[in-house]
Each structure stands twice: as structure tokens, then as C-alpha cells.
């Protein structure tokens, strides 16, 4: 599944409930995962979005994950890109944890507030595969954007490397966007 979201509000829920994305101008909610609040199982570019994480019923001693992406090989072109987003909420959350050994999440030009765990990323059941994961932040700001305590295997992308994920071709490699009933400004 491919997904492009623009100016949306992410509604959080935890446990076995579905995490959903409320898209006001479409009047709909899109289910995104069931893994303790994480966005899972989609290839997505999210732009100008507010990601509001809540620890909910788990309490202040617990933490969660904002994403849980997974790829089974380096050949899989999928991943999540967050551009010009704001990460907020209560409690603490990792920006992502690996759902498979080749996970890929890129956050660029975004505001990261105190909700972000200082380590940023979590290998989960894929310790030993960290070199295969692509977790990266670029030009982010806010108290949660301090990368001095991030995991040492977080990738440092150059502008050229980053551009392959921020161009429309990252999600439109089959040309489906031109066939949408509404014009998409990317």
C-alpha cells in the first residue's frame, strides 16, 4: 500500500486498538497499525503533519514507538518519510523500532518535542542488523531533535542521499498519482 498524506492530524491509540489517521479534507480515517501506537505496514510520505503520541493507559513508566517499519531486503523500495512535521504528545516514544531487519524511516525538516526518547531508534528483535537499517534525521529542530544521545547506528544522510526519499518518485514509481481524481501538490 502506498500513502501520501498532507496536512493531517494523527490520532493515537495504544494496545490492540488501531492507530488511525484522520484526514479532515477527505472526511475519513485510515488505519495504520496495531503495534502499541506505531505506524506500520505502509510505504508513506507524510508532509506538514502533526504526530501526537500519547502513552495513554500504560502510564509514565512505559514508552512506545511512533513507527515500526520493516523491509525483508535492501531491494524493497518502501519506507516512511516525514517532512515538515511536528512530533508532540505526552509520555516518551522512540521515533521508530524495526519491524523487519531492513527498516527505513527518514525524518526531515521537522519539529521534535520532548516526547522523543533521546536514543531515538530501537532495533527491537533485530539487534545485529543495525547496519542494514536506515533511520535518519535531517535538519530537525526542537528539544527532541538533539541527536547527541541517538543510537550510534543512526544514518547521517547527505543532501543527495536524502533527495532520493523526498522526491515524488519515491512514492510514485508506478505513476499512479497522475491518475488521481484530485491534483496532488507534492
N, C-alpha and C. Protein backbone atom coordinates (compact mmCIF):
# COMPACT_ATOMS: atom_id res chain seq x y z
N UNK A 1 0.84 -1.17 0.00
CA UNK A 1 0.00 0.00 0.00
C UNK A 1 0.89 1.24 0.00
N UNK A 2 0.56 2.21 -0.83
CA UNK A 2 1.27 3.47 -0.86
C UNK A 2 0.36 4.55 -0.30
N UNK A 3 0.94 5.51 0.37
CA UNK A 3 0.13 6.52 1.04
C UNK A 3 0.84 7.86 0.99
N UNK A 4 0.11 8.89 0.57
CA UNK A 4 0.61 10.26 0.63
C UNK A 4 -0.37 11.03 1.48
N UNK A 5 0.10 11.68 2.52
CA UNK A 5 -0.77 12.44 3.41
C UNK A 5 -0.21 13.84 3.55
N UNK A 6 -1.10 14.80 3.56
CA UNK A 6 -0.70 16.20 3.59
C UNK A 6 -1.60 16.93 4.57
N UNK A 7 -1.00 17.67 5.49
CA UNK A 7 -1.74 18.46 6.47
C UNK A 7 -2.79 17.62 7.19
N UNK A 8 -2.37 16.65 7.97
CA UNK A 8 -3.32 15.80 8.67
C UNK A 8 -3.02 15.79 10.15
N UNK A 9 -3.91 15.19 10.90
CA UNK A 9 -3.74 15.01 12.33
C UNK A 9 -3.71 13.53 12.59
N UNK A 10 -2.66 13.05 13.24
CA UNK A 10 -2.55 11.63 13.55
C UNK A 10 -3.21 11.37 14.89
N UNK A 11 -4.21 10.53 14.88
CA UNK A 11 -4.91 10.18 16.11
C UNK A 11 -4.27 8.93 16.70
N UNK A 12 -3.90 8.99 17.97
CA UNK A 12 -3.18 7.88 18.56
C UNK A 12 -4.10 6.98 19.38
N UNK A 13 -3.75 5.73 19.43
CA UNK A 13 -4.35 4.79 20.36
C UNK A 13 -3.32 3.71 20.61
N UNK A 14 -3.48 3.00 21.68
CA UNK A 14 -2.46 2.03 22.06
C UNK A 14 -3.05 0.64 22.22
N UNK A 15 -2.18 -0.32 22.43
CA UNK A 15 -2.63 -1.68 22.67
C UNK A 15 -3.15 -2.32 21.40
N UNK A 16 -4.31 -2.94 21.50
CA UNK A 16 -4.85 -3.68 20.37
C UNK A 16 -5.72 -2.81 19.47
N UNK A 17 -5.93 -1.58 19.84
CA UNK A 17 -6.74 -0.69 19.01
C UNK A 17 -5.94 -0.25 17.79
N UNK A 18 -6.64 0.03 16.72
CA UNK A 18 -5.97 0.52 15.52
C UNK A 18 -5.55 1.97 15.69
N UNK A 19 -4.38 2.28 15.25
CA UNK A 19 -3.96 3.66 15.13
C UNK A 19 -4.59 4.17 13.85
N UNK A 20 -5.14 5.34 13.86
CA UNK A 20 -5.78 5.84 12.65
C UNK A 20 -5.30 7.24 12.32
N UNK A 21 -5.40 7.57 11.07
CA UNK A 21 -5.05 8.90 10.61
C UNK A 21 -6.34 9.56 10.18
N UNK A 22 -6.62 10.71 10.75
CA UNK A 22 -7.80 11.46 10.39
C UNK A 22 -7.42 12.45 9.29
N UNK A 23 -8.05 12.33 8.16
CA UNK A 23 -7.77 13.21 7.03
C UNK A 23 -8.96 14.14 6.87
N UNK A 24 -8.89 15.35 7.47
CA UNK A 24 -10.07 16.23 7.52
C UNK A 24 -10.67 16.53 6.16
N UNK A 25 -9.84 16.83 5.15
CA UNK A 25 -10.42 17.23 3.87
C UNK A 25 -11.00 16.05 3.10
N UNK A 26 -10.70 14.81 3.50
CA UNK A 26 -11.31 13.64 2.89
C UNK A 26 -12.44 13.09 3.76
N UNK A 27 -12.52 13.56 5.00
CA UNK A 27 -13.56 13.10 5.91
C UNK A 27 -13.45 11.63 6.23
N UNK A 28 -12.24 11.13 6.36
CA UNK A 28 -12.09 9.70 6.62
C UNK A 28 -10.94 9.44 7.58
N UNK A 29 -10.90 8.22 8.05
CA UNK A 29 -9.79 7.76 8.89
C UNK A 29 -9.13 6.58 8.18
N UNK A 30 -7.82 6.53 8.24
CA UNK A 30 -7.08 5.46 7.59
C UNK A 30 -6.36 4.66 8.67
N UNK A 31 -6.66 3.34 8.81
CA UNK A 31 -5.95 2.55 9.81
C UNK A 31 -4.49 2.39 9.42
N UNK A 32 -3.60 2.48 10.42
CA UNK A 32 -2.18 2.41 10.12
C UNK A 32 -1.41 1.37 10.90
N UNK A 33 -2.01 0.72 11.88
CA UNK A 33 -1.23 -0.27 12.59
C UNK A 33 -1.86 -0.65 13.90
N UNK A 34 -1.27 -1.64 14.55
CA UNK A 34 -1.80 -2.11 15.82
C UNK A 34 -0.71 -2.31 16.85
N UNK A 35 0.49 -1.87 16.57
CA UNK A 35 1.62 -2.22 17.42
C UNK A 35 1.94 -1.13 18.41
N UNK A 36 1.24 -1.11 19.52
CA UNK A 36 1.48 -0.16 20.61
C UNK A 36 1.69 1.26 20.10
N UNK A 37 0.76 1.69 19.25
CA UNK A 37 0.80 3.06 18.79
C UNK A 37 1.65 3.32 17.56
N UNK A 38 2.30 2.33 17.00
CA UNK A 38 3.23 2.57 15.90
C UNK A 38 2.53 2.57 14.55
N UNK A 39 3.03 3.39 13.63
CA UNK A 39 2.58 3.36 12.25
C UNK A 39 3.29 2.17 11.60
N UNK A 40 2.54 1.24 11.05
CA UNK A 40 3.13 0.03 10.49
C UNK A 40 2.59 -0.26 9.10
N UNK A 41 3.32 -1.05 8.34
CA UNK A 41 2.88 -1.72 7.12
C UNK A 41 2.43 -0.84 5.97
N UNK A 42 3.00 0.33 5.80
CA UNK A 42 2.70 1.14 4.64
C UNK A 42 3.96 1.83 4.14
N UNK A 43 3.98 2.12 2.85
CA UNK A 43 5.01 2.95 2.27
C UNK A 43 4.43 4.35 2.24
N UNK A 44 5.01 5.29 2.96
CA UNK A 44 4.32 6.57 3.14
C UNK A 44 5.26 7.75 3.13
N UNK A 45 4.74 8.86 2.61
CA UNK A 45 5.36 10.17 2.77
C UNK A 45 4.33 11.03 3.49
N UNK A 46 4.69 11.53 4.66
CA UNK A 46 3.79 12.39 5.43
C UNK A 46 4.41 13.77 5.49
N UNK A 47 3.67 14.78 5.01
CA UNK A 47 4.17 16.15 4.94
C UNK A 47 3.24 17.08 5.71
N UNK A 48 3.84 18.02 6.42
CA UNK A 48 3.10 19.04 7.16
C UNK A 48 2.04 18.42 8.06
N UNK A 49 2.43 17.39 8.80
CA UNK A 49 1.51 16.65 9.67
C UNK A 49 1.86 16.87 11.13
N UNK A 50 0.90 16.68 11.99
CA UNK A 50 1.12 16.68 13.42
C UNK A 50 0.99 15.23 13.89
N UNK A 51 2.06 14.70 14.48
CA UNK A 51 2.06 13.35 15.03
C UNK A 51 1.93 13.52 16.53
N UNK A 52 0.79 13.15 17.08
CA UNK A 52 0.51 13.36 18.50
C UNK A 52 0.51 12.01 19.21
N UNK A 53 1.60 11.72 19.90
CA UNK A 53 1.74 10.45 20.60
C UNK A 53 1.20 10.58 22.02
N UNK A 54 0.51 9.54 22.50
CA UNK A 54 0.02 9.53 23.88
C UNK A 54 0.32 8.17 24.50
N UNK A 55 0.88 8.18 25.70
CA UNK A 55 1.17 6.94 26.40
C UNK A 55 -0.11 6.29 26.91
N UNK A 56 -1.18 7.07 27.02
CA UNK A 56 -2.49 6.52 27.37
C UNK A 56 -2.50 5.76 28.68
N UNK A 57 -3.13 4.60 28.67
CA UNK A 57 -3.33 3.80 29.87
C UNK A 57 -2.07 3.13 30.39
N UNK A 58 -0.98 3.19 29.63
CA UNK A 58 0.24 2.49 30.04
C UNK A 58 1.03 3.22 31.11
N UNK A 59 0.78 4.50 31.30
CA UNK A 59 1.39 5.24 32.39
C UNK A 59 2.79 5.74 32.12
N UNK A 60 3.32 6.57 33.02
CA UNK A 60 4.59 7.25 32.80
C UNK A 60 5.81 6.34 32.81
N UNK A 61 5.69 5.13 33.34
CA UNK A 61 6.85 4.22 33.38
C UNK A 61 7.07 3.52 32.05
N UNK A 62 6.13 3.62 31.15
CA UNK A 62 6.18 2.93 29.87
C UNK A 62 6.65 3.87 28.77
N UNK A 63 6.94 3.32 27.62
CA UNK A 63 7.31 4.09 26.44
C UNK A 63 6.73 3.38 25.23
N UNK A 64 6.73 4.06 24.11
CA UNK A 64 6.16 3.46 22.91
C UNK A 64 7.01 3.78 21.69
N UNK A 65 6.41 3.58 20.53
CA UNK A 65 7.09 3.74 19.25
C UNK A 65 6.18 4.50 18.31
N UNK A 66 6.72 5.44 17.60
CA UNK A 66 5.93 6.20 16.64
C UNK A 66 5.83 5.46 15.32
N UNK A 67 6.88 4.78 14.92
CA UNK A 67 6.83 3.96 13.71
C UNK A 67 7.38 2.58 14.00
N UNK A 68 7.00 1.64 13.14
CA UNK A 68 7.55 0.28 13.19
C UNK A 68 7.61 -0.23 11.76
N UNK A 69 8.53 0.31 11.01
CA UNK A 69 8.65 -0.07 9.60
C UNK A 69 9.46 -1.35 9.46
N UNK A 70 9.24 -2.06 8.37
CA UNK A 70 10.03 -3.24 8.10
C UNK A 70 10.16 -3.55 6.63
N UNK A 71 11.35 -3.94 6.24
CA UNK A 71 11.62 -4.48 4.90
C UNK A 71 12.41 -5.75 5.11
N UNK A 72 12.17 -6.75 4.26
CA UNK A 72 12.89 -8.01 4.39
C UNK A 72 14.21 -8.02 3.63
N UNK A 73 14.40 -7.04 2.73
CA UNK A 73 15.66 -6.98 1.99
C UNK A 73 15.95 -5.54 1.60
N UNK A 74 17.18 -5.29 1.22
CA UNK A 74 17.60 -3.98 0.77
C UNK A 74 16.96 -3.62 -0.57
N UNK A 75 16.47 -4.62 -1.30
CA UNK A 75 15.83 -4.39 -2.60
C UNK A 75 14.42 -3.82 -2.48
N UNK A 76 13.81 -3.94 -1.32
CA UNK A 76 12.46 -3.42 -1.09
C UNK A 76 12.54 -1.89 -1.08
N UNK A 77 11.80 -1.19 -1.97
CA UNK A 77 11.92 0.26 -2.05
C UNK A 77 11.12 1.04 -1.00
N UNK A 78 10.39 0.37 -0.13
CA UNK A 78 9.49 1.06 0.79
C UNK A 78 10.21 1.76 1.93
N UNK A 79 9.45 2.59 2.64
CA UNK A 79 9.95 3.31 3.79
C UNK A 79 8.98 4.40 4.16
N UNK A 80 9.26 5.07 5.25
CA UNK A 80 8.45 6.19 5.71
C UNK A 80 9.30 7.45 5.66
N UNK A 81 8.72 8.51 5.14
CA UNK A 81 9.37 9.81 5.14
C UNK A 81 8.43 10.81 5.79
N UNK A 82 8.92 11.52 6.78
CA UNK A 82 8.19 12.59 7.44
C UNK A 82 8.90 13.89 7.11
N UNK A 83 8.19 14.83 6.49
CA UNK A 83 8.81 16.11 6.11
C UNK A 83 7.93 17.25 6.61
N UNK A 84 8.57 18.20 7.27
CA UNK A 84 7.87 19.38 7.81
C UNK A 84 6.74 18.97 8.75
N UNK A 85 7.00 17.99 9.60
CA UNK A 85 6.00 17.51 10.56
C UNK A 85 6.35 18.00 11.96
N UNK A 86 5.40 17.82 12.86
CA UNK A 86 5.62 18.14 14.27
C UNK A 86 5.29 16.90 15.08
N UNK A 87 6.25 16.45 15.90
CA UNK A 87 6.08 15.28 16.76
C UNK A 87 5.86 15.77 18.18
N UNK A 88 4.70 15.52 18.72
CA UNK A 88 4.32 16.03 20.02
C UNK A 88 3.58 14.96 20.80
N UNK A 89 3.13 15.30 22.00
CA UNK A 89 2.33 14.36 22.77
C UNK A 89 2.78 14.31 24.22
N UNK A 90 2.35 13.23 24.90
CA UNK A 90 2.76 13.03 26.29
C UNK A 90 3.37 11.65 26.43
N UNK A 91 4.15 11.47 27.46
CA UNK A 91 4.90 10.23 27.60
C UNK A 91 6.18 10.30 26.79
N UNK A 92 6.79 9.16 26.58
CA UNK A 92 8.03 9.07 25.80
C UNK A 92 7.86 8.02 24.72
N UNK A 93 8.45 8.29 23.56
CA UNK A 93 8.36 7.34 22.44
C UNK A 93 9.64 7.37 21.63
N UNK A 94 10.02 6.20 21.15
CA UNK A 94 11.09 6.12 20.17
C UNK A 94 10.52 6.57 18.84
N UNK A 95 11.33 7.20 18.01
CA UNK A 95 10.88 7.59 16.68
C UNK A 95 10.52 6.34 15.86
N UNK A 96 11.21 5.25 16.11
CA UNK A 96 10.90 4.03 15.39
C UNK A 96 11.59 2.82 15.98
N UNK A 97 10.99 1.68 15.69
CA UNK A 97 11.62 0.40 16.00
C UNK A 97 11.50 -0.49 14.79
N UNK A 98 12.44 -1.36 14.63
CA UNK A 98 12.49 -2.19 13.45
C UNK A 98 11.43 -3.29 13.50
N UNK A 99 10.60 -3.33 12.48
CA UNK A 99 9.59 -4.39 12.33
C UNK A 99 10.18 -5.55 11.55
N UNK A 100 11.17 -5.27 10.74
CA UNK A 100 11.93 -6.25 9.97
C UNK A 100 13.38 -5.75 9.93
N UNK A 101 14.31 -6.60 9.45
CA UNK A 101 15.73 -6.22 9.56
C UNK A 101 16.18 -5.04 8.71
N UNK A 102 15.44 -4.65 7.67
CA UNK A 102 15.88 -3.56 6.79
C UNK A 102 14.96 -2.33 6.93
N UNK A 103 14.53 -2.02 8.12
CA UNK A 103 13.62 -0.90 8.37
C UNK A 103 14.18 0.40 7.81
N UNK A 104 13.25 1.30 7.37
CA UNK A 104 13.70 2.59 6.85
C UNK A 104 12.70 3.68 7.23
N UNK A 105 13.17 4.67 8.00
CA UNK A 105 12.37 5.83 8.38
C UNK A 105 13.28 7.06 8.30
N UNK A 106 12.81 8.08 7.58
CA UNK A 106 13.56 9.32 7.44
C UNK A 106 12.68 10.47 7.92
N UNK A 107 13.23 11.30 8.78
CA UNK A 107 12.51 12.47 9.30
C UNK A 107 13.35 13.69 8.94
N UNK A 108 12.74 14.62 8.20
CA UNK A 108 13.48 15.79 7.74
C UNK A 108 12.69 17.07 7.96
N UNK A 109 13.41 18.12 8.28
CA UNK A 109 12.83 19.46 8.42
C UNK A 109 11.61 19.47 9.33
N UNK A 110 11.68 18.74 10.43
CA UNK A 110 10.54 18.59 11.33
C UNK A 110 10.88 19.09 12.73
N UNK A 111 9.83 19.32 13.53
CA UNK A 111 9.98 19.73 14.92
C UNK A 111 9.73 18.51 15.80
N UNK A 112 10.72 18.18 16.63
CA UNK A 112 10.63 17.04 17.53
C UNK A 112 10.60 17.57 18.96
N UNK A 113 9.50 17.36 19.65
CA UNK A 113 9.37 17.87 21.02
C UNK A 113 9.82 16.82 22.03
N UNK A 114 9.59 17.08 23.32
CA UNK A 114 10.10 16.26 24.42
C UNK A 114 9.61 14.81 24.39
N UNK A 115 8.60 14.51 23.64
CA UNK A 115 8.05 13.16 23.55
C UNK A 115 9.08 12.16 23.02
N UNK A 116 10.08 12.62 22.29
CA UNK A 116 11.06 11.74 21.65
C UNK A 116 12.09 11.23 22.66
N UNK A 117 12.23 9.90 22.75
CA UNK A 117 13.28 9.28 23.58
C UNK A 117 14.64 9.73 23.06
N UNK A 118 15.58 10.06 23.94
CA UNK A 118 16.89 10.53 23.49
C UNK A 118 17.62 9.57 22.53
N UNK A 119 17.45 8.25 22.71
CA UNK A 119 18.11 7.28 21.84
C UNK A 119 17.52 7.31 20.43
N UNK A 120 16.27 7.73 20.30
CA UNK A 120 15.64 7.91 19.01
C UNK A 120 15.09 6.66 18.35
N UNK A 121 15.91 5.62 18.26
CA UNK A 121 15.57 4.44 17.48
C UNK A 121 15.83 3.18 18.29
N UNK A 122 15.10 2.11 17.95
CA UNK A 122 15.21 0.86 18.71
C UNK A 122 15.24 -0.32 17.74
N UNK A 123 16.22 -1.18 17.87
CA UNK A 123 16.37 -2.31 16.95
C UNK A 123 15.38 -3.44 17.23
N UNK A 124 14.80 -3.46 18.40
CA UNK A 124 13.80 -4.45 18.82
C UNK A 124 14.35 -5.86 18.65
N UNK A 125 13.70 -6.71 17.89
CA UNK A 125 14.15 -8.10 17.71
C UNK A 125 15.23 -8.25 16.65
N UNK A 126 15.76 -7.14 16.16
CA UNK A 126 16.73 -7.21 15.07
C UNK A 126 18.09 -6.64 15.45
N UNK A 127 18.47 -6.83 16.70
CA UNK A 127 19.82 -6.48 17.14
C UNK A 127 20.79 -7.32 16.31
N UNK A 128 21.81 -6.68 15.79
CA UNK A 128 22.75 -7.35 14.90
C UNK A 128 22.52 -6.97 13.44
N UNK A 129 21.37 -6.37 13.14
CA UNK A 129 21.03 -5.92 11.79
C UNK A 129 21.08 -4.40 11.67
N UNK A 130 21.58 -3.72 12.67
CA UNK A 130 21.55 -2.26 12.68
C UNK A 130 22.19 -1.63 11.44
N UNK A 131 23.23 -2.23 10.90
CA UNK A 131 23.88 -1.69 9.70
C UNK A 131 22.95 -1.75 8.49
N UNK A 132 21.95 -2.63 8.51
CA UNK A 132 21.01 -2.76 7.40
C UNK A 132 19.82 -1.81 7.52
N UNK A 133 19.63 -1.22 8.67
CA UNK A 133 18.51 -0.31 8.91
C UNK A 133 18.86 1.09 8.44
N UNK A 134 17.86 1.83 7.98
CA UNK A 134 18.05 3.22 7.62
C UNK A 134 17.11 4.06 8.47
N UNK A 135 17.63 4.54 9.56
CA UNK A 135 16.95 5.50 10.42
C UNK A 135 17.75 6.78 10.33
N UNK A 136 17.10 7.86 9.91
CA UNK A 136 17.84 9.10 9.71
C UNK A 136 16.99 10.31 10.03
N UNK A 137 17.66 11.36 10.52
CA UNK A 137 17.05 12.66 10.76
C UNK A 137 17.90 13.69 10.04
N UNK A 138 17.22 14.69 9.50
CA UNK A 138 17.95 15.72 8.77
C UNK A 138 17.29 17.07 9.02
N UNK A 139 18.06 18.02 9.49
CA UNK A 139 17.60 19.40 9.66
C UNK A 139 16.35 19.50 10.53
N UNK A 140 16.32 18.74 11.62
CA UNK A 140 15.19 18.81 12.55
C UNK A 140 15.52 19.77 13.68
N UNK A 141 14.48 20.23 14.38
CA UNK A 141 14.68 21.19 15.46
C UNK A 141 13.77 20.84 16.63
N UNK A 142 14.01 21.48 17.76
CA UNK A 142 13.21 21.25 18.96
C UNK A 142 13.97 20.42 19.97
N UNK A 143 13.46 20.35 21.20
CA UNK A 143 14.17 19.64 22.27
C UNK A 143 14.34 18.13 22.01
N UNK A 144 13.49 17.54 21.22
CA UNK A 144 13.63 16.11 20.89
C UNK A 144 14.54 15.85 19.71
N UNK A 145 15.08 16.90 19.11
CA UNK A 145 15.93 16.76 17.92
C UNK A 145 17.42 16.69 18.25
N UNK A 146 17.76 16.71 19.53
CA UNK A 146 19.16 16.62 19.94
C UNK A 146 19.65 15.20 19.66
N UNK A 147 20.53 15.05 18.69
CA UNK A 147 21.00 13.73 18.28
C UNK A 147 22.24 13.26 19.04
N UNK A 148 22.69 14.02 20.03
CA UNK A 148 23.91 13.66 20.75
C UNK A 148 23.77 12.34 21.52
N UNK A 149 22.57 11.92 21.85
CA UNK A 149 22.36 10.66 22.57
C UNK A 149 21.68 9.60 21.70
N UNK A 150 21.60 9.84 20.39
CA UNK A 150 21.00 8.87 19.49
C UNK A 150 21.87 7.62 19.40
N UNK A 151 21.24 6.55 18.96
CA UNK A 151 21.97 5.30 18.76
C UNK A 151 23.09 5.55 17.76
N UNK A 152 24.24 4.91 17.91
CA UNK A 152 25.37 5.18 17.02
C UNK A 152 25.14 4.71 15.59
N UNK A 153 24.16 3.87 15.36
CA UNK A 153 23.90 3.36 14.01
C UNK A 153 22.87 4.18 13.24
N UNK A 154 22.43 5.32 13.80
CA UNK A 154 21.57 6.21 13.02
C UNK A 154 22.37 6.70 11.81
N UNK A 155 21.75 6.68 10.64
CA UNK A 155 22.43 7.09 9.41
C UNK A 155 22.50 8.61 9.32
N UNK A 156 23.58 9.11 8.80
CA UNK A 156 23.77 10.53 8.51
C UNK A 156 23.71 10.66 6.98
N UNK A 157 22.58 11.10 6.46
CA UNK A 157 22.40 11.21 5.02
C UNK A 157 22.90 12.55 4.50
N UNK A 158 23.53 12.53 3.34
CA UNK A 158 23.90 13.77 2.66
C UNK A 158 22.65 14.32 1.97
N UNK A 159 22.72 15.55 1.49
CA UNK A 159 21.58 16.12 0.77
C UNK A 159 21.24 15.29 -0.45
N UNK A 160 22.23 14.78 -1.13
CA UNK A 160 21.99 13.95 -2.32
C UNK A 160 21.29 12.64 -1.93
N UNK A 161 21.76 11.99 -0.87
CA UNK A 161 21.11 10.76 -0.41
C UNK A 161 19.68 11.03 0.05
N UNK A 162 19.48 12.12 0.77
CA UNK A 162 18.16 12.48 1.25
C UNK A 162 17.20 12.74 0.09
N UNK A 163 17.66 13.35 -0.97
CA UNK A 163 16.79 13.73 -2.08
C UNK A 163 16.10 12.54 -2.73
N UNK A 164 16.69 11.36 -2.68
CA UNK A 164 16.03 10.19 -3.27
C UNK A 164 14.76 9.81 -2.52
N UNK A 165 14.62 10.26 -1.27
CA UNK A 165 13.43 9.95 -0.48
C UNK A 165 12.43 11.11 -0.42
N UNK A 166 12.85 12.30 -0.79
CA UNK A 166 11.95 13.45 -0.70
C UNK A 166 11.36 13.85 -2.05
N UNK A 167 11.76 13.22 -3.11
CA UNK A 167 11.17 13.48 -4.42
C UNK A 167 9.91 12.62 -4.58
N UNK A 168 9.01 13.06 -5.42
CA UNK A 168 7.76 12.34 -5.63
C UNK A 168 8.00 10.93 -6.18
N UNK A 169 9.09 10.72 -6.87
CA UNK A 169 9.38 9.39 -7.43
C UNK A 169 9.53 8.33 -6.35
N UNK A 170 9.82 8.73 -5.09
CA UNK A 170 9.94 7.76 -4.01
C UNK A 170 8.63 7.00 -3.80
N UNK A 171 7.51 7.69 -3.91
CA UNK A 171 6.22 7.02 -3.72
C UNK A 171 5.45 6.83 -5.01
N UNK A 172 5.89 7.45 -6.09
CA UNK A 172 5.14 7.40 -7.35
C UNK A 172 5.92 6.69 -8.45
N UNK A 173 6.63 5.64 -8.10
CA UNK A 173 7.44 4.96 -9.11
C UNK A 173 6.60 4.25 -10.18
N UNK A 174 5.29 4.09 -9.93
CA UNK A 174 4.40 3.47 -10.92
C UNK A 174 3.54 4.51 -11.64
N UNK A 175 3.65 5.78 -11.29
CA UNK A 175 2.89 6.84 -11.94
C UNK A 175 1.43 6.94 -11.56
N UNK A 176 1.05 6.42 -10.42
CA UNK A 176 -0.35 6.39 -10.01
C UNK A 176 -0.90 7.75 -9.59
N UNK A 177 -0.05 8.66 -9.16
CA UNK A 177 -0.53 9.96 -8.68
C UNK A 177 -1.20 10.75 -9.80
N UNK A 178 -0.69 10.66 -11.02
CA UNK A 178 -1.29 11.38 -12.14
C UNK A 178 -2.71 10.91 -12.44
N UNK A 179 -3.08 9.71 -11.98
CA UNK A 179 -4.42 9.16 -12.23
C UNK A 179 -5.41 9.44 -11.11
N UNK A 180 -5.01 10.18 -10.09
CA UNK A 180 -5.92 10.50 -9.01
C UNK A 180 -7.00 11.49 -9.47
N UNK A 181 -8.19 11.45 -8.86
CA UNK A 181 -9.26 12.38 -9.26
C UNK A 181 -9.03 13.82 -8.80
N UNK A 182 -8.05 14.05 -7.92
CA UNK A 182 -7.70 15.38 -7.47
C UNK A 182 -6.23 15.64 -7.78
N UNK A 183 -5.88 16.88 -7.97
CA UNK A 183 -4.48 17.23 -8.25
C UNK A 183 -3.70 17.20 -6.95
N UNK A 184 -2.57 16.55 -6.97
CA UNK A 184 -1.71 16.44 -5.79
C UNK A 184 -0.52 17.36 -5.97
N UNK A 185 -0.35 18.26 -5.00
CA UNK A 185 0.82 19.14 -4.99
C UNK A 185 1.85 18.48 -4.10
N UNK A 186 2.99 18.14 -4.64
CA UNK A 186 4.00 17.42 -3.85
C UNK A 186 5.12 18.35 -3.47
